[in-house]
């Protein structure tokens, strides 16, 4: 069974292609120039916490809020992602990787885009900052930043 077939099987069972770590997502994006990373956190998070830097891969992350601060759903999310993808090297069938702080919003976003006919859609399960560590802080024990992947802060 190919990796694509495994992803399609998971997709039908869960509504998306599956969960990957930040490092696994980076490696897959590195191997596919049409793959895209969609950061679904809020504008405040992008501005104050930082964002993934995909310049080594010759592209940029897409930024589409899954919900507006503090917790209002973004009814235009799917349309905004579709419009953003039109401005990239994305091609139908290329993988989409969804990222939030810790993997919950990005999972919902991956499911929504899969329902809209896109995919395979993956959830970056450890998120940008990961879960809480033993001191109740994020960003040190798991996630994009803790994995040593490139990121920038304005």
N, C-alpha and C. Protein backbone atom coordinates (compact mmCIF):
# COMPACT_ATOMS: atom_id res chain seq x y z
N UNK A 1 0.85 -1.18 0.00
CA UNK A 1 0.00 0.00 0.00
C UNK A 1 0.89 1.24 0.00
N UNK A 2 0.59 2.19 -0.86
CA UNK A 2 1.39 3.41 -0.94
C UNK A 2 1.01 4.35 0.19
N UNK A 3 1.90 5.34 0.43
CA UNK A 3 1.63 6.35 1.46
C UNK A 3 0.35 7.10 1.12
N UNK A 4 0.16 7.43 -0.15
CA UNK A 4 -1.04 8.15 -0.57
C UNK A 4 -2.30 7.33 -0.25
N UNK A 5 -2.27 6.03 -0.53
CA UNK A 5 -3.43 5.19 -0.23
C UNK A 5 -3.70 5.14 1.27
N UNK A 6 -2.64 5.06 2.08
CA UNK A 6 -2.83 5.07 3.53
C UNK A 6 -3.48 6.38 3.96
N UNK A 7 -3.02 7.50 3.40
CA UNK A 7 -3.60 8.80 3.73
C UNK A 7 -5.07 8.89 3.34
N UNK A 8 -5.42 8.32 2.18
CA UNK A 8 -6.80 8.34 1.75
C UNK A 8 -7.67 7.50 2.67
N UNK A 9 -7.15 6.38 3.17
CA UNK A 9 -7.91 5.55 4.09
C UNK A 9 -8.15 6.30 5.40
N UNK A 10 -7.13 6.93 5.92
CA UNK A 10 -7.29 7.70 7.15
C UNK A 10 -8.27 8.83 6.92
N UNK A 11 -8.17 9.49 5.75
CA UNK A 11 -9.03 10.61 5.44
C UNK A 11 -10.50 10.22 5.51
N UNK A 12 -10.85 9.06 4.98
CA UNK A 12 -12.26 8.67 5.00
C UNK A 12 -12.72 8.35 6.42
N UNK A 13 -11.83 7.93 7.28
CA UNK A 13 -12.20 7.57 8.64
C UNK A 13 -12.26 8.77 9.57
N UNK A 14 -11.40 9.76 9.38
CA UNK A 14 -11.30 10.88 10.32
C UNK A 14 -11.70 12.22 9.73
N UNK A 15 -11.81 12.31 8.43
CA UNK A 15 -12.15 13.57 7.79
C UNK A 15 -10.94 14.37 7.34
N UNK A 16 -9.73 13.82 7.54
CA UNK A 16 -8.51 14.46 7.05
C UNK A 16 -7.44 13.38 6.92
N UNK A 17 -6.30 13.72 6.34
CA UNK A 17 -5.29 12.70 6.02
C UNK A 17 -4.51 12.21 7.23
N UNK A 18 -4.51 12.95 8.32
CA UNK A 18 -3.83 12.47 9.51
C UNK A 18 -3.01 13.53 10.20
N UNK A 19 -2.41 13.11 11.31
CA UNK A 19 -1.57 13.98 12.13
C UNK A 19 -0.11 13.71 11.84
N UNK A 20 0.66 14.78 11.74
CA UNK A 20 2.11 14.69 11.57
C UNK A 20 2.76 15.63 12.57
N UNK A 21 4.00 15.35 12.91
CA UNK A 21 4.76 16.29 13.74
C UNK A 21 5.22 17.45 12.86
N UNK A 22 5.71 18.48 13.49
CA UNK A 22 6.28 19.62 12.75
C UNK A 22 7.42 19.16 11.87
N UNK A 23 8.31 18.34 12.41
CA UNK A 23 9.46 17.86 11.63
C UNK A 23 9.04 17.02 10.45
N UNK A 24 8.06 16.13 10.65
CA UNK A 24 7.56 15.32 9.53
C UNK A 24 6.94 16.20 8.46
N UNK A 25 6.21 17.22 8.87
CA UNK A 25 5.59 18.14 7.92
C UNK A 25 6.66 18.89 7.12
N UNK A 26 7.68 19.38 7.82
CA UNK A 26 8.78 20.08 7.15
C UNK A 26 9.43 19.16 6.11
N UNK A 27 9.71 17.93 6.49
CA UNK A 27 10.35 16.99 5.56
C UNK A 27 9.49 16.72 4.34
N UNK A 28 8.20 16.59 4.54
CA UNK A 28 7.31 16.35 3.39
C UNK A 28 7.21 17.58 2.50
N UNK A 29 7.15 18.76 3.11
CA UNK A 29 7.12 19.99 2.30
C UNK A 29 8.42 20.16 1.54
N UNK A 30 9.52 19.75 2.14
CA UNK A 30 10.82 19.85 1.48
C UNK A 30 10.87 19.03 0.21
N UNK A 31 10.14 17.93 0.19
CA UNK A 31 10.16 17.04 -0.96
C UNK A 31 9.10 17.32 -2.00
N UNK A 32 8.23 18.29 -1.79
CA UNK A 32 7.14 18.57 -2.72
C UNK A 32 6.94 20.08 -2.83
N UNK A 33 7.40 20.65 -3.92
CA UNK A 33 7.33 22.09 -4.13
C UNK A 33 5.93 22.64 -4.24
N UNK A 34 4.93 21.78 -4.43
CA UNK A 34 3.54 22.24 -4.52
C UNK A 34 2.83 22.17 -3.18
N UNK A 35 3.42 21.50 -2.20
CA UNK A 35 2.80 21.39 -0.87
C UNK A 35 2.78 22.77 -0.21
N UNK A 36 1.76 23.00 0.61
CA UNK A 36 1.62 24.30 1.25
C UNK A 36 1.35 24.16 2.74
N UNK A 37 1.88 25.12 3.50
CA UNK A 37 1.62 25.23 4.93
C UNK A 37 0.65 26.38 5.15
N UNK A 38 -0.45 26.09 5.84
CA UNK A 38 -1.43 27.12 6.16
C UNK A 38 -1.45 27.28 7.68
N UNK A 39 -1.05 28.45 8.14
CA UNK A 39 -1.03 28.79 9.56
C UNK A 39 -2.39 29.39 9.88
N UNK A 40 -3.16 28.72 10.76
CA UNK A 40 -4.53 29.11 11.04
C UNK A 40 -4.69 29.85 12.36
N UNK A 41 -3.57 30.25 12.98
CA UNK A 41 -3.64 30.98 14.24
C UNK A 41 -4.19 32.39 13.99
N UNK A 42 -4.30 33.16 15.03
CA UNK A 42 -4.83 34.52 14.93
C UNK A 42 -3.73 35.52 14.58
N UNK A 43 -4.15 36.67 14.11
CA UNK A 43 -3.21 37.75 13.80
C UNK A 43 -2.35 38.09 15.00
N UNK A 44 -2.95 38.12 16.18
CA UNK A 44 -2.18 38.42 17.39
C UNK A 44 -1.08 37.38 17.60
N UNK A 45 -1.37 36.11 17.38
CA UNK A 45 -0.36 35.07 17.55
C UNK A 45 0.77 35.23 16.53
N UNK A 46 0.41 35.52 15.29
CA UNK A 46 1.45 35.73 14.27
C UNK A 46 2.36 36.88 14.66
N UNK A 47 1.75 37.96 15.13
CA UNK A 47 2.53 39.15 15.45
C UNK A 47 3.37 39.01 16.71
N UNK A 48 2.86 38.36 17.73
CA UNK A 48 3.54 38.33 19.02
C UNK A 48 4.33 37.06 19.29
N UNK A 49 3.97 35.95 18.66
CA UNK A 49 4.64 34.68 18.94
C UNK A 49 5.63 34.31 17.85
N UNK A 50 5.36 34.71 16.62
CA UNK A 50 6.22 34.40 15.49
C UNK A 50 5.51 33.53 14.47
N UNK A 51 6.18 33.33 13.33
CA UNK A 51 5.60 32.56 12.23
C UNK A 51 6.66 31.64 11.61
N UNK A 52 6.22 30.55 11.00
CA UNK A 52 7.18 29.68 10.31
C UNK A 52 7.85 30.43 9.16
N UNK A 53 9.12 30.14 8.97
CA UNK A 53 9.89 30.74 7.88
C UNK A 53 10.20 29.64 6.87
N UNK A 54 9.54 29.68 5.72
CA UNK A 54 9.72 28.66 4.69
C UNK A 54 10.65 29.11 3.57
N UNK A 55 11.42 30.16 3.81
CA UNK A 55 12.28 30.69 2.74
C UNK A 55 13.28 29.66 2.24
N UNK A 56 13.74 28.75 3.12
CA UNK A 56 14.65 27.69 2.68
C UNK A 56 14.00 26.78 1.64
N UNK A 57 12.67 26.74 1.65
CA UNK A 57 11.93 25.90 0.72
C UNK A 57 11.48 26.68 -0.50
N UNK A 58 11.82 27.97 -0.55
CA UNK A 58 11.46 28.80 -1.69
C UNK A 58 10.00 29.21 -1.71
N UNK A 59 9.38 29.27 -0.55
CA UNK A 59 7.99 29.70 -0.49
C UNK A 59 7.69 30.28 0.89
N UNK A 60 6.46 30.74 1.05
CA UNK A 60 6.02 31.33 2.30
C UNK A 60 4.81 30.58 2.81
N UNK A 61 4.62 30.58 4.12
CA UNK A 61 3.40 30.03 4.71
C UNK A 61 2.23 30.92 4.32
N UNK A 62 1.05 30.33 4.29
CA UNK A 62 -0.18 31.09 4.07
C UNK A 62 -0.80 31.34 5.43
N UNK A 63 -1.40 32.50 5.60
CA UNK A 63 -1.95 32.90 6.89
C UNK A 63 -3.45 33.17 6.74
N UNK A 64 -4.26 32.29 7.29
CA UNK A 64 -5.72 32.40 7.26
C UNK A 64 -6.25 32.01 8.63
N UNK A 65 -6.85 32.95 9.32
CA UNK A 65 -7.36 32.69 10.67
C UNK A 65 -8.53 31.70 10.64
N UNK A 66 -8.43 30.65 11.45
CA UNK A 66 -9.54 29.72 11.61
C UNK A 66 -10.65 30.39 12.43
N UNK A 67 -10.25 31.16 13.41
CA UNK A 67 -11.21 31.93 14.21
C UNK A 67 -10.58 33.27 14.54
N UNK A 68 -11.44 34.27 14.66
CA UNK A 68 -10.98 35.60 15.02
C UNK A 68 -10.91 35.71 16.53
N UNK A 69 -9.96 36.49 17.03
CA UNK A 69 -9.79 36.67 18.46
C UNK A 69 -11.03 37.31 19.05
N UNK A 70 -11.54 36.87 20.20
CA UNK A 70 -10.98 35.82 21.01
C UNK A 70 -11.44 34.42 20.60
N UNK A 71 -12.68 34.27 20.12
CA UNK A 71 -13.10 32.92 19.75
C UNK A 71 -14.25 32.90 18.75
N UNK A 72 -14.32 33.90 17.91
CA UNK A 72 -15.39 33.96 16.91
C UNK A 72 -14.96 33.19 15.66
N UNK A 73 -15.75 32.22 15.22
CA UNK A 73 -15.39 31.47 14.01
C UNK A 73 -15.24 32.39 12.79
N UNK A 74 -14.36 32.02 11.90
CA UNK A 74 -14.16 32.76 10.65
C UNK A 74 -15.01 32.09 9.57
N UNK A 75 -16.18 32.65 9.22
CA UNK A 75 -17.05 32.00 8.24
C UNK A 75 -16.46 32.00 6.82
N UNK A 76 -15.44 32.79 6.60
CA UNK A 76 -14.82 32.89 5.27
C UNK A 76 -13.55 32.05 5.14
N UNK A 77 -13.26 31.21 6.13
CA UNK A 77 -11.99 30.48 6.15
C UNK A 77 -11.73 29.70 4.87
N UNK A 78 -12.64 28.83 4.48
CA UNK A 78 -12.41 27.98 3.30
C UNK A 78 -12.17 28.85 2.07
N UNK A 79 -12.98 29.86 1.87
CA UNK A 79 -12.82 30.74 0.71
C UNK A 79 -11.47 31.47 0.76
N UNK A 80 -11.06 31.93 1.93
CA UNK A 80 -9.78 32.62 2.06
C UNK A 80 -8.62 31.70 1.73
N UNK A 81 -8.68 30.45 2.18
CA UNK A 81 -7.61 29.49 1.85
C UNK A 81 -7.61 29.23 0.35
N UNK A 82 -8.77 29.04 -0.25
CA UNK A 82 -8.84 28.80 -1.69
C UNK A 82 -8.21 29.95 -2.47
N UNK A 83 -8.52 31.17 -2.07
CA UNK A 83 -7.95 32.35 -2.73
C UNK A 83 -6.44 32.43 -2.52
N UNK A 84 -5.99 32.15 -1.31
CA UNK A 84 -4.56 32.19 -1.02
C UNK A 84 -3.80 31.14 -1.84
N UNK A 85 -4.37 29.96 -2.00
CA UNK A 85 -3.71 28.90 -2.77
C UNK A 85 -3.53 29.28 -4.23
N UNK A 86 -4.44 30.07 -4.75
CA UNK A 86 -4.33 30.51 -6.16
C UNK A 86 -3.09 31.35 -6.40
N UNK A 87 -2.54 31.93 -5.34
CA UNK A 87 -1.36 32.80 -5.47
C UNK A 87 -0.05 32.04 -5.27
N UNK A 88 -0.12 30.72 -5.20
CA UNK A 88 1.06 29.90 -4.90
C UNK A 88 1.31 28.88 -6.00
N UNK A 89 2.29 28.03 -5.77
CA UNK A 89 2.60 26.94 -6.70
C UNK A 89 1.75 25.70 -6.42
N UNK A 90 0.74 25.84 -5.58
CA UNK A 90 -0.12 24.70 -5.25
C UNK A 90 -0.76 24.13 -6.51
N UNK A 91 -0.86 22.82 -6.55
CA UNK A 91 -1.59 22.13 -7.61
C UNK A 91 -2.55 21.16 -6.94
N UNK A 92 -3.73 20.95 -7.54
CA UNK A 92 -4.69 20.01 -6.94
C UNK A 92 -4.04 18.66 -6.65
N UNK A 93 -4.32 18.14 -5.48
CA UNK A 93 -3.76 16.87 -5.05
C UNK A 93 -2.48 16.98 -4.25
N UNK A 94 -1.88 18.18 -4.22
CA UNK A 94 -0.67 18.38 -3.42
C UNK A 94 -1.07 18.47 -1.95
N UNK A 95 -0.21 18.02 -1.06
CA UNK A 95 -0.56 18.04 0.36
C UNK A 95 -0.65 19.45 0.94
N UNK A 96 -1.60 19.60 1.85
CA UNK A 96 -1.76 20.83 2.62
C UNK A 96 -1.52 20.50 4.08
N UNK A 97 -0.73 21.34 4.74
CA UNK A 97 -0.36 21.14 6.14
C UNK A 97 -0.93 22.31 6.93
N UNK A 98 -1.73 22.02 7.95
CA UNK A 98 -2.39 23.05 8.74
C UNK A 98 -1.75 23.13 10.12
N UNK A 99 -1.43 24.37 10.52
CA UNK A 99 -0.68 24.62 11.75
C UNK A 99 -1.41 25.63 12.62
N UNK A 100 -1.51 25.34 13.92
CA UNK A 100 -2.01 26.31 14.90
C UNK A 100 -1.06 26.28 16.09
N UNK A 101 -1.49 26.72 17.23
CA UNK A 101 -0.61 26.74 18.40
C UNK A 101 -0.24 25.35 18.86
N UNK A 102 -1.26 24.49 19.01
CA UNK A 102 -1.00 23.17 19.59
C UNK A 102 -1.70 22.01 18.90
N UNK A 103 -2.35 22.23 17.77
CA UNK A 103 -2.90 21.13 16.99
C UNK A 103 -4.40 20.97 16.98
N UNK A 104 -5.16 21.77 17.73
CA UNK A 104 -6.62 21.61 17.77
C UNK A 104 -7.32 22.36 16.64
N UNK A 105 -7.04 23.66 16.52
CA UNK A 105 -7.68 24.43 15.44
C UNK A 105 -7.24 23.94 14.08
N UNK A 106 -5.97 23.54 13.97
CA UNK A 106 -5.46 23.08 12.68
C UNK A 106 -6.12 21.77 12.26
N UNK A 107 -6.47 20.93 13.21
CA UNK A 107 -7.18 19.69 12.89
C UNK A 107 -8.55 20.04 12.29
N UNK A 108 -9.27 20.95 12.92
CA UNK A 108 -10.58 21.37 12.42
C UNK A 108 -10.45 21.99 11.03
N UNK A 109 -9.41 22.78 10.82
CA UNK A 109 -9.18 23.41 9.51
C UNK A 109 -8.89 22.35 8.43
N UNK A 110 -8.09 21.34 8.79
CA UNK A 110 -7.78 20.28 7.83
C UNK A 110 -9.06 19.54 7.43
N UNK A 111 -9.93 19.28 8.39
CA UNK A 111 -11.20 18.62 8.10
C UNK A 111 -12.05 19.48 7.19
N UNK A 112 -12.13 20.78 7.47
CA UNK A 112 -12.94 21.70 6.65
C UNK A 112 -12.44 21.75 5.21
N UNK A 113 -11.13 21.82 5.03
CA UNK A 113 -10.60 21.89 3.66
C UNK A 113 -10.73 20.55 2.95
N UNK A 114 -10.63 19.45 3.67
CA UNK A 114 -10.86 18.14 3.08
C UNK A 114 -12.30 18.04 2.58
N UNK A 115 -13.25 18.53 3.39
CA UNK A 115 -14.67 18.52 2.99
C UNK A 115 -14.91 19.40 1.77
N UNK A 116 -14.08 20.44 1.61
CA UNK A 116 -14.21 21.33 0.46
C UNK A 116 -13.55 20.75 -0.80
N UNK A 117 -13.00 19.54 -0.68
CA UNK A 117 -12.43 18.88 -1.86
C UNK A 117 -10.94 19.02 -2.01
N UNK A 118 -10.27 19.54 -1.01
CA UNK A 118 -8.82 19.70 -1.08
C UNK A 118 -8.16 18.56 -0.32
N UNK A 119 -6.93 18.30 -0.66
CA UNK A 119 -6.21 17.30 0.10
C UNK A 119 -5.24 16.51 -0.74
N UNK A 120 -4.43 15.75 -0.06
CA UNK A 120 -4.56 15.37 1.34
C UNK A 120 -4.26 16.53 2.28
N UNK A 121 -5.06 16.64 3.34
CA UNK A 121 -4.93 17.69 4.34
C UNK A 121 -4.41 17.07 5.63
N UNK A 122 -3.28 17.58 6.10
CA UNK A 122 -2.64 17.06 7.31
C UNK A 122 -2.70 18.09 8.43
N UNK A 123 -2.81 17.60 9.64
CA UNK A 123 -2.75 18.42 10.84
C UNK A 123 -1.33 18.35 11.40
N UNK A 124 -0.70 19.50 11.59
CA UNK A 124 0.60 19.56 12.28
C UNK A 124 0.26 19.48 13.76
N UNK A 125 0.26 18.25 14.26
CA UNK A 125 -0.35 17.95 15.57
C UNK A 125 0.35 18.59 16.76
N UNK A 126 1.66 18.84 16.66
CA UNK A 126 2.34 19.46 17.79
C UNK A 126 2.32 20.98 17.72
N UNK A 127 1.79 21.53 16.64
CA UNK A 127 1.58 22.96 16.51
C UNK A 127 2.86 23.79 16.46
N UNK A 128 2.68 25.09 16.52
CA UNK A 128 3.81 26.01 16.47
C UNK A 128 4.53 26.06 17.81
N UNK A 129 3.76 25.99 18.90
CA UNK A 129 4.34 26.10 20.24
C UNK A 129 4.27 24.81 21.05
N UNK A 130 3.52 23.83 20.60
CA UNK A 130 3.39 22.59 21.34
C UNK A 130 2.53 22.74 22.58
N UNK A 131 2.46 21.66 23.33
CA UNK A 131 1.67 21.67 24.56
C UNK A 131 2.42 22.33 25.71
N UNK A 132 1.77 22.34 26.84
CA UNK A 132 2.37 22.93 28.03
C UNK A 132 3.45 22.00 28.59
N UNK A 133 4.56 22.59 29.04
CA UNK A 133 5.61 21.80 29.68
C UNK A 133 5.34 21.71 31.18
N UNK A 134 6.28 21.16 31.93
CA UNK A 134 6.07 20.98 33.37
C UNK A 134 5.94 22.30 34.14
N UNK A 135 6.38 23.40 33.52
CA UNK A 135 6.23 24.72 34.15
C UNK A 135 5.04 25.49 33.58
N UNK A 136 4.22 24.79 32.79
CA UNK A 136 3.04 25.37 32.17
C UNK A 136 3.37 26.47 31.17
N UNK A 137 4.47 26.27 30.43
CA UNK A 137 4.87 27.17 29.34
C UNK A 137 4.83 26.39 28.03
N UNK A 138 4.61 27.10 26.97
CA UNK A 138 4.64 26.49 25.64
C UNK A 138 5.93 26.88 24.92
N UNK A 139 6.28 26.10 23.90
CA UNK A 139 7.38 26.46 23.03
C UNK A 139 8.71 25.81 23.35
N UNK A 140 8.75 24.99 24.40
CA UNK A 140 10.04 24.40 24.76
C UNK A 140 10.09 22.89 24.65
N UNK A 141 8.94 22.23 24.71
CA UNK A 141 8.96 20.76 24.75
C UNK A 141 8.48 20.10 23.47
N UNK A 142 7.76 20.81 22.64
CA UNK A 142 7.25 20.23 21.39
C UNK A 142 6.84 21.37 20.46
N UNK A 143 6.60 21.03 19.22
CA UNK A 143 6.12 22.01 18.26
C UNK A 143 7.21 22.52 17.33
N UNK A 144 6.79 23.37 16.42
CA UNK A 144 7.65 23.93 15.37
C UNK A 144 8.90 24.57 15.97
N UNK A 145 8.70 25.46 16.94
CA UNK A 145 9.82 26.19 17.54
C UNK A 145 10.77 25.24 18.28
N UNK A 146 10.22 24.38 19.11
CA UNK A 146 11.04 23.47 19.91
C UNK A 146 11.78 22.45 19.05
N UNK A 147 11.25 22.18 17.86
CA UNK A 147 11.90 21.23 16.94
C UNK A 147 13.08 21.86 16.21
N UNK A 148 13.28 23.15 16.40
CA UNK A 148 14.38 23.85 15.76
C UNK A 148 14.13 24.19 14.30
N UNK A 149 12.87 24.19 13.89
CA UNK A 149 12.54 24.55 12.51
C UNK A 149 12.59 26.06 12.37
N UNK A 150 12.83 26.55 11.15
CA UNK A 150 12.98 27.99 10.96
C UNK A 150 11.70 28.77 11.25
N UNK A 151 11.87 29.88 11.97
CA UNK A 151 10.75 30.77 12.25
C UNK A 151 11.29 32.17 12.47
N UNK A 152 10.41 33.13 12.33
CA UNK A 152 10.78 34.54 12.51
C UNK A 152 9.75 35.21 13.39
N UNK A 153 10.16 36.32 13.96
CA UNK A 153 9.26 37.11 14.78
C UNK A 153 9.47 38.56 14.41
N UNK A 154 8.36 39.28 14.28
CA UNK A 154 8.49 40.70 13.90
C UNK A 154 8.62 41.58 15.11
